[in-house]
Amino acid sequence: MKVSMLAKSAAVALVFGLVASTPAHAVDLQGSGASWPALMIEACKAPFAAAGSNTYLYTSNSSGEGQTASNNSIGDFWMTDGAYTAATKRASLIHVPLVAGPIAILHNLPSRKTLSLSASTIAGIFAGTITRWDDPAIAKDNNRSYDKITYKTKNGVIVKDAKGDPIISKTTPATTVYNLPNKPIKVIYRNDSSGTVENFTNYLNKSVPSVWTKAKNKVFTSTFPGDINAPGNLGRMTGAAKSSGVALQAGKTPYSITFAETNYAAANRLKVANVINPAGNSVAPDAIGTSAFLASATQDANGFLTYDYATKEKGAYPLGIVSYLLADTAYPDKTRAAAVKAFANFILSPACSLTKGADLGYAVISGDLLTKSQALVAKIG
């Protein structure tokens, strides 16, 4: 009898010890939304868990899916690559610029040379008016002289002057020569509701409204400026879902072109094109060029960014975007709210954005934009 009582006491003590050793406020967060920031969010999952007691699971689908989930409070946080202003948006939700980086133009040409494309040429290709790789517009973009810009950086982050402008450390004259093939261009576009599409088509419409005549839209076929089912487009222009889908299809399609994150290029044996900015320089879709572009953006009280696609910043990569965290300022569960706040601050921190994000091609949010993002995070509650 005594042994039995002792055993029971030991068992109770063991259970109590296990419970006591478990963090009292551990929260398993559930997030969903935009596929564009997913690789960085996934890369930061383990270090976030190691840095505290909370964890998260992020389901990558699309900005549209994330916005819908936020309407119905499905999960704890949501990501969108475009500002969410629909009437269905809950009033207590705020936008926090959380992940920054470039939208890259990926292509499947056999040459190892770096392709350069201007806004007007990109618009023509995706609008179906430029249909062959040896088109004069593409040839002009790739047989020219320009300046290669090097910015001053510190610990992987671009250094800015007192006005907030990026500091240029070196300007190097460069010349590009590219013999383009006489082949039809196979266009692969996103066919799901996507913030990446919204940002991409906004860039085209704001940069070349005479070619891309329709306003931005999350659905590519809704913003397409012509008839996507015209005979010349059938079979030559095809859609796929998510960034992973368009990259996979482009990788299987010689002489194709698409748009997605830079990190999908290597896995699908695709090349990454440079974009010719308004200053006339051919710029790679890297963290530094993206940061130089985002420095010219303006931000309103809601956290929304307005990009300056006409910026004359010499080394700006003009297809940079920010993915917003949709978070609540009135969570019913305040412990869960604190965990979402911790998640947001960790993603913004160098431990995630620099240590993990930079290697994946994302840009570090810094300077005034970081300060504003942190102030918005403070409102989560």
Protein backbone atom coordinates (compact mmCIF):
# COMPACT_ATOMS: atom_id res chain seq x y z
CA MET A 1 0.00 0.00 0.00
CA LYS A 2 2.79 2.37 0.92
CA VAL A 3 4.62 1.50 -2.29
CA SER A 4 1.47 2.19 -4.32
CA MET A 5 0.99 5.55 -2.63
CA LEU A 6 4.63 6.42 -3.19
CA ALA A 7 4.32 5.47 -6.87
CA LYS A 8 1.26 7.61 -7.27
CA SER A 9 2.98 10.51 -5.54
CA ALA A 10 6.00 10.13 -7.81
CA ALA A 11 3.78 10.04 -10.89
CA VAL A 12 1.95 13.19 -9.82
CA ALA A 13 5.25 14.89 -9.09
CA LEU A 14 6.60 13.88 -12.51
CA VAL A 15 3.54 15.23 -14.33
CA PHE A 16 3.67 18.41 -12.27
CA GLY A 17 7.35 18.80 -13.10
CA LEU A 18 6.69 18.39 -16.81
CA VAL A 19 3.89 20.94 -16.72
CA ALA A 20 5.97 23.36 -14.68
CA SER A 21 8.88 23.05 -17.12
CA THR A 22 6.65 23.87 -20.11
CA PRO A 23 6.65 27.61 -20.92
CA ALA A 24 3.43 29.06 -19.52
CA HIS A 25 2.82 31.35 -22.47
CA ALA A 26 3.89 29.17 -25.41
CA VAL A 27 1.67 29.86 -28.42
CA ASP A 28 1.54 27.98 -31.72
CA LEU A 29 0.63 30.68 -34.24
CA GLN A 30 -1.13 29.97 -37.52
CA GLY A 31 -0.52 32.26 -40.50
CA SER A 32 -1.42 32.22 -44.19
CA GLY A 33 -1.35 34.33 -47.33
CA ALA A 34 1.11 35.60 -49.92
CA SER A 35 3.54 33.12 -51.46
CA TRP A 36 6.12 35.81 -52.26
CA PRO A 37 7.50 36.19 -48.67
CA ALA A 38 7.01 32.50 -47.81
CA LEU A 39 10.60 31.33 -48.24
CA MET A 40 11.93 33.94 -45.81
CA ILE A 41 9.15 33.31 -43.30
CA GLU A 42 9.86 29.58 -43.47
CA ALA A 43 13.62 30.11 -43.09
CA CYS A 44 13.06 32.13 -39.91
CA LYS A 45 10.70 29.61 -38.27
CA ALA A 46 13.38 27.59 -36.44
CA PRO A 47 15.39 30.60 -35.16
CA PHE A 48 12.16 32.25 -33.96
CA ALA A 49 11.26 29.15 -31.95
CA ALA A 50 14.81 28.95 -30.58
CA ALA A 51 14.73 32.62 -29.53
CA GLY A 52 11.58 32.23 -27.39
CA SER A 53 8.78 29.91 -26.38
CA ASN A 54 6.42 30.49 -29.34
CA THR A 55 6.22 28.78 -32.73
CA TYR A 56 4.37 29.41 -35.97
CA LEU A 57 3.13 27.58 -39.05
CA TYR A 58 2.73 29.56 -42.27
CA THR A 59 0.56 28.29 -45.13
CA SER A 60 1.68 29.80 -48.42
CA ASN A 61 -1.18 30.24 -50.87
CA SER A 62 -1.80 33.78 -52.16
CA SER A 63 -2.48 37.32 -51.01
CA GLY A 64 -6.14 36.87 -51.94
CA GLU A 65 -6.41 33.75 -49.77
CA GLY A 66 -4.72 35.54 -46.88
CA GLN A 67 -7.10 38.48 -47.13
CA THR A 68 -10.11 36.16 -47.15
CA ALA A 69 -8.79 34.31 -44.11
CA SER A 70 -8.30 37.62 -42.30
CA ASN A 71 -11.95 38.53 -42.96
CA ASN A 72 -13.05 35.39 -41.15
CA SER A 73 -10.36 35.43 -38.43
CA ILE A 74 -9.03 32.08 -39.62
CA GLY A 75 -5.61 31.85 -38.00
CA ASP A 76 -3.63 34.54 -36.21
CA PHE A 77 -1.83 36.55 -38.90
CA TRP A 78 -1.95 37.00 -42.65
CA MET A 79 0.39 38.24 -45.38
CA THR A 80 -0.53 40.28 -48.45
CA ASP A 81 1.70 41.79 -51.12
CA GLY A 82 -0.81 44.54 -51.86
CA ALA A 83 -2.75 46.95 -49.67
CA TYR A 84 -6.03 45.43 -48.55
CA THR A 85 -8.74 48.10 -48.77
CA ALA A 86 -11.89 46.08 -49.50
CA ALA A 87 -15.08 46.87 -47.59
CA THR A 88 -14.89 43.40 -46.04
CA LYS A 89 -11.63 44.23 -44.22
CA ARG A 90 -12.10 44.29 -40.47
CA ALA A 91 -11.53 47.75 -39.01
CA SER A 92 -9.14 46.48 -36.34
CA LEU A 93 -6.63 45.10 -38.87
CA ILE A 94 -3.47 47.06 -39.65
CA HIS A 95 -0.83 46.74 -42.39
CA VAL A 96 2.78 46.33 -41.28
CA PRO A 97 5.48 46.40 -44.01
CA LEU A 98 7.27 43.22 -42.93
CA VAL A 99 9.21 41.64 -45.81
CA ALA A 100 10.94 43.53 -48.63
CA GLY A 101 12.55 42.33 -51.82
CA PRO A 102 12.42 42.26 -55.60
CA ILE A 103 10.07 40.71 -58.11
CA ALA A 104 12.43 39.13 -60.61
CA ILE A 105 12.03 38.58 -64.32
CA LEU A 106 13.02 34.95 -64.91
CA HIS A 107 13.67 33.48 -68.35
CA ASN A 108 14.71 30.28 -70.04
CA LEU A 109 17.14 31.42 -72.76
CA PRO A 110 20.14 29.17 -73.47
CA SER A 111 22.75 31.93 -73.24
CA ARG A 112 24.56 32.51 -69.96
CA LYS A 113 24.77 36.25 -70.57
CA THR A 114 22.70 38.59 -68.41
CA LEU A 115 19.55 39.76 -70.15
CA SER A 116 18.47 43.40 -69.61
CA LEU A 117 14.92 44.62 -70.11
CA SER A 118 13.36 48.09 -69.88
CA ALA A 119 9.87 48.75 -68.52
CA SER A 120 8.47 49.34 -72.02
CA THR A 121 9.94 46.06 -73.26
CA ILE A 122 8.67 44.08 -70.26
CA ALA A 123 5.22 45.60 -70.78
CA GLY A 124 5.28 44.72 -74.47
CA ILE A 125 6.31 41.12 -73.79
CA PHE A 126 3.62 40.49 -71.17
CA ALA A 127 0.99 42.43 -73.16
CA GLY A 128 1.64 40.20 -76.17
CA THR A 129 2.88 42.97 -78.50
CA ILE A 130 6.52 41.80 -78.42
CA THR A 131 6.44 38.14 -79.37
CA ARG A 132 9.96 37.15 -80.50
CA TRP A 133 13.28 37.25 -78.66
CA ASP A 134 15.10 39.04 -81.49
CA ASP A 135 12.59 41.91 -81.48
CA PRO A 136 14.34 45.30 -82.02
CA ALA A 137 13.17 46.54 -78.60
CA ILE A 138 14.90 43.66 -76.80
CA ALA A 139 17.98 44.04 -78.99
CA LYS A 140 18.17 47.74 -78.11
CA ASP A 141 17.97 46.99 -74.38
CA ASN A 142 20.82 44.50 -74.63
CA ASN A 143 23.33 46.24 -76.88
CA ARG A 144 24.14 49.47 -75.10
CA SER A 145 26.29 51.24 -72.53
CA TYR A 146 25.24 52.07 -68.98
CA ASP A 147 26.64 52.74 -65.50
CA LYS A 148 27.02 49.99 -62.92
CA ILE A 149 26.29 51.46 -59.48
CA THR A 150 27.85 50.28 -56.22
CA TYR A 151 26.35 51.52 -52.97
CA LYS A 152 28.04 51.97 -49.62
CA THR A 153 26.89 49.25 -47.21
CA LYS A 154 27.48 48.35 -43.58
CA ASN A 155 26.79 44.85 -42.27
CA GLY A 156 24.87 44.06 -45.44
CA VAL A 157 22.59 47.11 -45.16
CA ILE A 158 22.71 50.08 -47.50
CA VAL A 159 24.05 53.29 -45.90
CA LYS A 160 22.00 56.47 -46.35
CA ASP A 161 22.84 60.14 -45.95
CA ALA A 162 21.10 62.65 -43.66
CA LYS A 163 18.26 63.02 -46.19
CA GLY A 164 17.67 59.28 -46.28
CA ASP A 165 19.16 58.83 -49.76
CA PRO A 166 21.42 55.82 -50.50
CA ILE A 167 25.13 56.71 -50.69
CA ILE A 168 26.90 55.69 -53.93
CA SER A 169 30.49 54.54 -53.40
CA LYS A 170 31.41 53.78 -57.03
CA THR A 171 30.13 54.23 -60.59
CA THR A 172 31.59 51.88 -63.22
CA PRO A 173 30.93 52.29 -66.99
CA ALA A 174 29.69 49.05 -68.55
CA THR A 175 28.71 47.77 -71.98
CA THR A 176 26.40 44.88 -72.82
CA VAL A 177 26.28 42.85 -76.06
CA TYR A 178 23.73 40.06 -76.53
CA ASN A 179 22.92 38.12 -79.72
CA LEU A 180 19.27 37.19 -79.28
CA PRO A 181 17.67 34.08 -80.81
CA ASN A 182 15.00 34.17 -83.52
CA LYS A 183 12.50 32.29 -81.36
CA PRO A 184 8.95 32.99 -80.13
CA ILE A 185 8.62 34.19 -76.53
CA LYS A 186 6.65 31.82 -74.31
CA VAL A 187 4.96 33.88 -71.58
CA ILE A 188 4.07 32.18 -68.27
CA TYR A 189 1.79 34.29 -66.02
CA ARG A 190 0.21 33.82 -62.58
CA ASN A 191 -3.39 32.62 -62.90
CA ASP A 192 -4.33 32.88 -59.23
CA SER A 193 -5.31 35.96 -57.19
CA SER A 194 -1.88 37.29 -56.33
CA GLY A 195 -0.32 40.34 -54.68
CA THR A 196 2.76 39.68 -56.79
CA VAL A 197 0.60 40.14 -59.90
CA GLU A 198 -0.90 43.30 -58.41
CA ASN A 199 2.55 44.81 -57.82
CA PHE A 200 3.91 43.66 -61.17
CA THR A 201 1.00 45.11 -63.15
CA ASN A 202 1.10 48.31 -61.11
CA TYR A 203 4.75 48.74 -62.15
CA LEU A 204 3.81 48.23 -65.80
CA ASN A 205 0.80 50.57 -65.71
CA LYS A 206 2.60 53.36 -63.83
CA SER A 207 5.81 53.03 -65.88
CA VAL A 208 4.35 52.52 -69.38
CA PRO A 209 0.64 53.42 -69.37
CA SER A 210 0.64 53.71 -73.18
CA VAL A 211 1.41 49.97 -73.40
CA TRP A 212 -0.09 48.58 -70.20
CA THR A 213 -3.31 50.55 -70.38
CA LYS A 214 -5.22 48.86 -67.56
CA ALA A 215 -4.82 49.53 -63.83
CA LYS A 216 -3.25 47.01 -61.47
CA ASN A 217 -5.17 43.93 -60.46
CA LYS A 218 -4.48 40.78 -58.44
CA VAL A 219 -5.76 38.70 -61.37
CA PHE A 220 -3.51 38.86 -64.44
CA THR A 221 -6.24 38.20 -67.00
CA SER A 222 -8.33 41.06 -65.55
CA THR A 223 -5.56 43.61 -66.03
CA PHE A 224 -4.26 42.25 -69.36
CA PRO A 225 -4.52 45.19 -71.80
CA GLY A 226 -5.63 43.17 -74.84
CA ASP A 227 -7.34 39.88 -75.64
CA ILE A 228 -5.37 37.16 -73.92
CA ASN A 229 -7.31 34.59 -75.97
CA ALA A 230 -6.35 36.16 -79.30
CA PRO A 231 -5.03 33.61 -81.82
CA GLY A 232 -1.45 34.86 -81.48
CA ASN A 233 -1.53 34.36 -77.70
CA LEU A 234 -3.13 30.92 -77.55
CA GLY A 235 -0.52 28.34 -76.64
CA ARG A 236 2.16 31.04 -76.42
CA MET A 237 0.83 32.62 -73.19
CA THR A 238 -0.11 30.17 -70.42
CA GLY A 239 -0.91 30.47 -66.73
CA ALA A 240 0.15 28.62 -63.59
CA ALA A 241 -0.62 29.02 -59.88
CA LYS A 242 1.76 30.55 -57.34
CA SER A 243 5.37 31.58 -57.77
CA SER A 244 6.45 27.96 -57.54
CA GLY A 245 4.06 27.00 -60.33
CA VAL A 246 5.13 29.63 -62.86
CA ALA A 247 8.81 28.97 -62.16
CA LEU A 248 8.36 25.22 -62.55
CA GLN A 249 6.52 25.64 -65.84
CA ALA A 250 9.03 28.16 -67.17
CA GLY A 251 11.85 25.77 -66.27
CA LYS A 252 10.25 23.14 -68.48
CA THR A 253 9.57 25.57 -71.34
CA PRO A 254 12.53 26.70 -73.50
CA TYR A 255 12.49 30.39 -74.51
CA SER A 256 9.95 31.23 -71.80
CA ILE A 257 9.69 34.22 -69.46
CA THR A 258 7.85 34.78 -66.16
CA PHE A 259 8.03 36.80 -62.94
CA ALA A 260 8.61 35.49 -59.39
CA GLU A 261 11.10 35.63 -56.53
CA THR A 262 14.78 35.36 -57.47
CA ASN A 263 15.25 32.23 -55.36
CA TYR A 264 13.04 30.18 -57.70
CA ALA A 265 15.56 30.61 -60.51
CA ALA A 266 18.29 28.15 -59.52
CA ALA A 267 15.94 25.30 -58.61
CA ASN A 268 14.25 25.54 -62.01
CA ARG A 269 17.40 26.28 -64.06
CA LEU A 270 16.17 29.75 -64.99
CA LYS A 271 18.19 32.90 -65.55
CA VAL A 272 17.50 36.20 -63.80
CA ALA A 273 17.22 39.33 -65.94
CA ASN A 274 18.34 42.83 -65.02
CA VAL A 275 15.81 45.65 -65.26
CA ILE A 276 16.72 48.98 -66.85
CA ASN A 277 15.61 51.71 -64.44
CA PRO A 278 14.47 55.29 -65.29
CA ALA A 279 18.08 56.49 -64.86
CA GLY A 280 19.03 54.21 -67.78
CA ASN A 281 21.06 51.74 -65.76
CA SER A 282 20.73 47.95 -65.88
CA VAL A 283 20.20 46.74 -62.30
CA ALA A 284 20.05 43.24 -60.85
CA PRO A 285 17.15 42.24 -58.56
CA ASP A 286 19.24 42.12 -55.40
CA ALA A 287 18.79 43.41 -51.86
CA ILE A 288 20.85 46.56 -52.37
CA GLY A 289 19.12 47.73 -55.56
CA THR A 290 15.74 46.99 -53.99
CA SER A 291 16.60 48.98 -50.86
CA ALA A 292 17.68 51.91 -53.03
CA PHE A 293 14.28 51.81 -54.77
CA LEU A 294 12.24 51.49 -51.57
CA ALA A 295 14.04 54.51 -50.13
CA SER A 296 12.06 56.65 -52.59
CA ALA A 297 8.67 55.29 -51.49
CA THR A 298 6.22 57.26 -49.37
CA GLN A 299 4.07 55.80 -46.58
CA ASP A 300 0.70 56.86 -45.20
CA ALA A 301 -0.73 56.47 -41.70
CA ASN A 302 -2.17 53.05 -42.54
CA GLY A 303 1.27 51.71 -43.41
CA PHE A 304 0.57 51.60 -47.16
CA LEU A 305 3.54 52.36 -49.42
CA THR A 306 3.35 54.32 -52.66
CA TYR A 307 6.28 53.43 -54.90
CA ASP A 308 8.05 56.00 -57.06
CA TYR A 309 8.49 54.12 -60.33
CA ALA A 310 9.91 57.26 -61.93
CA THR A 311 12.73 57.63 -59.39
CA LYS A 312 16.05 58.71 -60.88
CA GLU A 313 18.04 56.94 -58.16
CA LYS A 314 20.88 55.53 -60.26
CA GLY A 315 21.11 52.06 -58.75
CA ALA A 316 17.45 51.49 -57.91
CA TYR A 317 15.85 48.20 -58.91
CA PRO A 318 12.34 49.43 -59.86
CA LEU A 319 10.47 46.19 -59.25
CA GLY A 320 10.97 46.14 -55.49
CA ILE A 321 7.97 45.43 -53.28
CA VAL A 322 6.96 45.08 -49.65
CA SER A 323 4.78 42.29 -48.28
CA TYR A 324 2.48 43.45 -45.49
CA LEU A 325 1.57 41.66 -42.30
CA LEU A 326 -2.15 41.91 -41.63
CA ALA A 327 -2.46 41.84 -37.85
CA ASP A 328 -5.17 42.72 -35.36
CA THR A 329 -5.15 45.56 -32.85
CA ALA A 330 -7.92 43.84 -30.89
CA TYR A 331 -7.16 40.13 -30.48
CA PRO A 332 -9.59 38.46 -28.04
CA ASP A 333 -6.62 36.48 -26.66
CA LYS A 334 -3.93 38.92 -25.48
CA THR A 335 -1.36 36.16 -25.02
CA ARG A 336 -1.81 35.28 -28.68
CA ALA A 337 -1.55 38.99 -29.57
CA ALA A 338 1.78 39.21 -27.77
CA ALA A 339 3.02 36.19 -29.73
CA VAL A 340 2.05 37.81 -33.06
CA LYS A 341 3.89 40.95 -31.97
CA ALA A 342 6.97 38.88 -31.13
CA PHE A 343 6.75 37.16 -34.53
CA ALA A 344 6.58 40.51 -36.37
CA ASN A 345 9.52 41.99 -34.47
CA PHE A 346 11.60 38.87 -35.13
CA ILE A 347 10.94 38.93 -38.89
CA LEU A 348 12.03 42.59 -38.96
CA SER A 349 15.16 41.89 -36.91
CA PRO A 350 18.62 41.23 -38.41
CA ALA A 351 18.41 37.66 -37.07
CA CYS A 352 15.78 37.01 -39.74
CA SER A 353 15.86 39.72 -42.42
CA LEU A 354 19.66 39.82 -42.74
CA THR A 355 20.90 36.43 -41.53
CA LYS A 356 18.23 34.42 -43.36
CA GLY A 357 16.51 36.78 -45.81
CA ALA A 358 19.56 38.23 -47.56
CA ASP A 359 20.76 34.80 -48.70
CA LEU A 360 17.34 34.19 -50.25
CA GLY A 361 17.39 37.46 -52.19
CA TYR A 362 15.21 39.54 -49.86
CA ALA A 363 16.06 43.08 -48.77
CA VAL A 364 16.49 44.36 -45.22
CA ILE A 365 13.88 46.89 -44.09
CA SER A 366 15.89 49.69 -42.51
CA GLY A 367 15.92 53.41 -41.72
CA ASP A 368 12.64 55.32 -41.57
CA LEU A 369 10.67 52.41 -43.00
CA LEU A 370 11.88 50.12 -40.20
CA THR A 371 11.01 52.73 -37.57
CA LYS A 372 7.49 53.06 -38.98
CA SER A 373 7.04 49.29 -39.19
CA GLN A 374 8.09 48.90 -35.56
CA ALA A 375 5.63 51.63 -34.51
CA LEU A 376 2.84 49.74 -36.28
CA VAL A 377 3.87 46.46 -34.64
CA ALA A 378 3.51 48.19 -31.27
CA LYS A 379 -0.22 48.66 -32.04
CA ILE A 380 -0.84 44.91 -32.19
CA GLY A 381 -2.82 43.95 -29.13
